[in-house]
């Protein structure tokens, strides 16, 4: 394989990865938009149809709006707790490379 063919291969791989990243970013934006439209509908019904206190409605609203930003932290925390509990019960020290 010559240097030119190798450069072409790496450039093709680079372009393919850029396309994949762009595609995934569009899907992520669409899902986030869909989530917020759904949350607006849910909050509308919560504030108009149900007779909860304003504090309960406010807390639910803040949690629902901030959920996409905190879910990754929650998932990683749960994964780490389960991983370390399994290592503690099994008596095997956790590998530092597996930490998130």
C-alpha atoms as a PDB file:
ATOM      1  CA  UNK A   1       0.000   0.000   0.000  1.00  0.00           C
ATOM      2  CA  UNK A   2       1.516   3.285  -1.038  1.00  0.00           C
ATOM      3  CA  UNK A   3       1.404   6.461   1.003  1.00  0.00           C
ATOM      4  CA  UNK A   4      -1.136   8.008  -1.361  1.00  0.00           C
ATOM      5  CA  UNK A   5      -3.525   5.045  -1.016  1.00  0.00           C
ATOM      6  CA  UNK A   6      -3.101   5.113   2.733  1.00  0.00           C
ATOM      7  CA  UNK A   7      -3.847   8.839   2.916  1.00  0.00           C
ATOM      8  CA  UNK A   8      -6.922   8.309   0.753  1.00  0.00           C
ATOM      9  CA  UNK A   9      -8.078   5.502   3.063  1.00  0.00           C
ATOM     10  CA  UNK A  10      -7.668   7.660   6.173  1.00  0.00           C
ATOM     11  CA  UNK A  11      -9.363  10.613   4.497  1.00  0.00           C
ATOM     12  CA  UNK A  12     -12.310   8.411   3.466  1.00  0.00           C
ATOM     13  CA  UNK A  13     -12.589   7.094   7.012  1.00  0.00           C
ATOM     14  CA  UNK A  14     -12.465  10.658   8.344  1.00  0.00           C
ATOM     15  CA  UNK A  15     -15.258  11.771   6.002  1.00  0.00           C
ATOM     16  CA  UNK A  16     -17.380   8.768   6.940  1.00  0.00           C
ATOM     17  CA  UNK A  17     -16.953   9.491  10.636  1.00  0.00           C
ATOM     18  CA  UNK A  18     -17.887  13.145  10.094  1.00  0.00           C
ATOM     19  CA  UNK A  19     -21.091  12.040   8.348  1.00  0.00           C
ATOM     20  CA  UNK A  20     -21.923   9.690  11.210  1.00  0.00           C
ATOM     21  CA  UNK A  21     -21.332  12.391  13.834  1.00  0.00           C
ATOM     22  CA  UNK A  22     -23.487  14.873  11.916  1.00  0.00           C
ATOM     23  CA  UNK A  23     -26.238  12.295  11.572  1.00  0.00           C
ATOM     24  CA  UNK A  24     -26.146  11.450  15.268  1.00  0.00           C
ATOM     25  CA  UNK A  25     -26.193  15.146  16.195  1.00  0.00           C
ATOM     26  CA  UNK A  26     -29.324  15.650  14.081  1.00  0.00           C
ATOM     27  CA  UNK A  27     -31.025  12.645  15.704  1.00  0.00           C
ATOM     28  CA  UNK A  28     -30.047  13.910  19.151  1.00  0.00           C
ATOM     29  CA  UNK A  29     -31.433  17.374  18.418  1.00  0.00           C
ATOM     30  CA  UNK A  30     -34.676  15.875  17.093  1.00  0.00           C
ATOM     31  CA  UNK A  31     -35.101  13.693  20.173  1.00  0.00           C
ATOM     32  CA  UNK A  32     -34.391  16.617  22.503  1.00  0.00           C
ATOM     33  CA  UNK A  33     -36.911  18.782  20.639  1.00  0.00           C
ATOM     34  CA  UNK A  34     -39.502  15.982  20.810  1.00  0.00           C
ATOM     35  CA  UNK A  35     -38.865  15.563  24.539  1.00  0.00           C
ATOM     36  CA  UNK A  36     -39.430  19.251  25.232  1.00  0.00           C
ATOM     37  CA  UNK A  37     -42.604  19.347  23.139  1.00  0.00           C
ATOM     38  CA  UNK A  38     -43.871  16.366  25.141  1.00  0.00           C
ATOM     39  CA  UNK A  39     -42.893  18.036  28.430  1.00  0.00           C
ATOM     40  CA  UNK A  40     -44.712  21.236  27.445  1.00  0.00           C
ATOM     41  CA  UNK A  41     -47.868  19.200  26.784  1.00  0.00           C
ATOM     42  CA  UNK A  42     -47.509  17.342  30.095  1.00  0.00           C
ATOM     43  CA  UNK A  43     -46.903  20.571  32.031  1.00  0.00           C
ATOM     44  CA  UNK A  44     -49.914  22.175  30.379  1.00  0.00           C
ATOM     45  CA  UNK A  45     -52.144  19.356  31.601  1.00  0.00           C
ATOM     46  CA  UNK A  46     -50.454  19.369  34.998  1.00  0.00           C
ATOM     47  CA  UNK A  47     -51.099  23.074  35.526  1.00  0.00           C
ATOM     48  CA  UNK A  48     -54.628  23.134  34.076  1.00  0.00           C
ATOM     49  CA  UNK A  49     -56.229  19.800  34.985  1.00  0.00           C
ATOM     50  CA  UNK A  50     -54.728  18.758  38.316  1.00  0.00           C
ATOM     51  CA  UNK A  51     -55.166  20.407  41.684  1.00  0.00           C
ATOM     52  CA  UNK A  52     -51.683  20.065  43.181  1.00  0.00           C
ATOM     53  CA  UNK A  53     -49.981  22.814  45.125  1.00  0.00           C
ATOM     54  CA  UNK A  54     -47.878  25.290  43.172  1.00  0.00           C
ATOM     55  CA  UNK A  55     -44.751  23.951  44.897  1.00  0.00           C
ATOM     56  CA  UNK A  56     -45.430  20.395  43.746  1.00  0.00           C
ATOM     57  CA  UNK A  57     -46.052  21.620  40.206  1.00  0.00           C
ATOM     58  CA  UNK A  58     -42.875  23.711  40.315  1.00  0.00           C
ATOM     59  CA  UNK A  59     -40.717  20.861  41.581  1.00  0.00           C
ATOM     60  CA  UNK A  60     -42.103  18.514  38.937  1.00  0.00           C
ATOM     61  CA  UNK A  61     -41.534  21.150  36.255  1.00  0.00           C
ATOM     62  CA  UNK A  62     -37.911  21.738  37.263  1.00  0.00           C
ATOM     63  CA  UNK A  63     -37.186  18.003  37.365  1.00  0.00           C
ATOM     64  CA  UNK A  64     -38.835  17.391  33.989  1.00  0.00           C
ATOM     65  CA  UNK A  65     -37.038  20.291  32.302  1.00  0.00           C
ATOM     66  CA  UNK A  66     -33.604  19.477  33.748  1.00  0.00           C
ATOM     67  CA  UNK A  67     -33.876  15.693  33.240  1.00  0.00           C
ATOM     68  CA  UNK A  68     -31.939  15.529  29.917  1.00  0.00           C
ATOM     69  CA  UNK A  69     -29.030  17.335  31.543  1.00  0.00           C
ATOM     70  CA  UNK A  70     -28.815  15.215  34.705  1.00  0.00           C
ATOM     71  CA  UNK A  71     -29.712  11.757  33.384  1.00  0.00           C
ATOM     72  CA  UNK A  72     -26.131  10.973  32.317  1.00  0.00           C
ATOM     73  CA  UNK A  73     -24.829  11.742  35.817  1.00  0.00           C
ATOM     74  CA  UNK A  74     -27.547   9.542  37.352  1.00  0.00           C
ATOM     75  CA  UNK A  75     -26.801   6.638  34.994  1.00  0.00           C
ATOM     76  CA  UNK A  76     -23.060   6.830  35.644  1.00  0.00           C
ATOM     77  CA  UNK A  77     -23.597   6.976  39.405  1.00  0.00           C
ATOM     78  CA  UNK A  78     -25.878   3.936  39.378  1.00  0.00           C
ATOM     79  CA  UNK A  79     -23.450   2.029  37.150  1.00  0.00           C
ATOM     80  CA  UNK A  80     -20.495   2.853  39.428  1.00  0.00           C
ATOM     81  CA  UNK A  81     -22.383   1.830  42.581  1.00  0.00           C
ATOM     82  CA  UNK A  82     -23.415  -1.497  41.043  1.00  0.00           C
ATOM     83  CA  UNK A  83     -19.922  -2.085  39.652  1.00  0.00           C
ATOM     84  CA  UNK A  84     -18.233  -1.435  42.991  1.00  0.00           C
ATOM     85  CA  UNK A  85     -20.805  -3.442  44.957  1.00  0.00           C
ATOM     86  CA  UNK A  86     -20.160  -6.393  42.660  1.00  0.00           C
ATOM     87  CA  UNK A  87     -16.412  -5.990  43.117  1.00  0.00           C
ATOM     88  CA  UNK A  88     -16.826  -5.708  46.893  1.00  0.00           C
ATOM     89  CA  UNK A  89     -19.044  -8.789  47.133  1.00  0.00           C
ATOM     90  CA  UNK A  90     -16.849 -10.781  44.755  1.00  0.00           C
ATOM     91  CA  UNK A  91     -13.656  -9.692  46.519  1.00  0.00           C
ATOM     92  CA  UNK A  92     -12.110  -8.510  43.265  1.00  0.00           C
ATOM     93  CA  UNK A  93     -10.699  -4.981  43.275  1.00  0.00           C
ATOM     94  CA  UNK A  94     -12.134  -2.797  40.533  1.00  0.00           C
ATOM     95  CA  UNK A  95      -9.916  -2.011  37.582  1.00  0.00           C
ATOM     96  CA  UNK A  96      -9.110   1.697  37.383  1.00  0.00           C
ATOM     97  CA  UNK A  97      -9.394   1.600  33.582  1.00  0.00           C
ATOM     98  CA  UNK A  98     -13.071   0.587  33.796  1.00  0.00           C
ATOM     99  CA  UNK A  99     -14.089   3.659  35.801  1.00  0.00           C
ATOM    100  CA  UNK A 100     -16.279   6.134  33.986  1.00  0.00           C
END
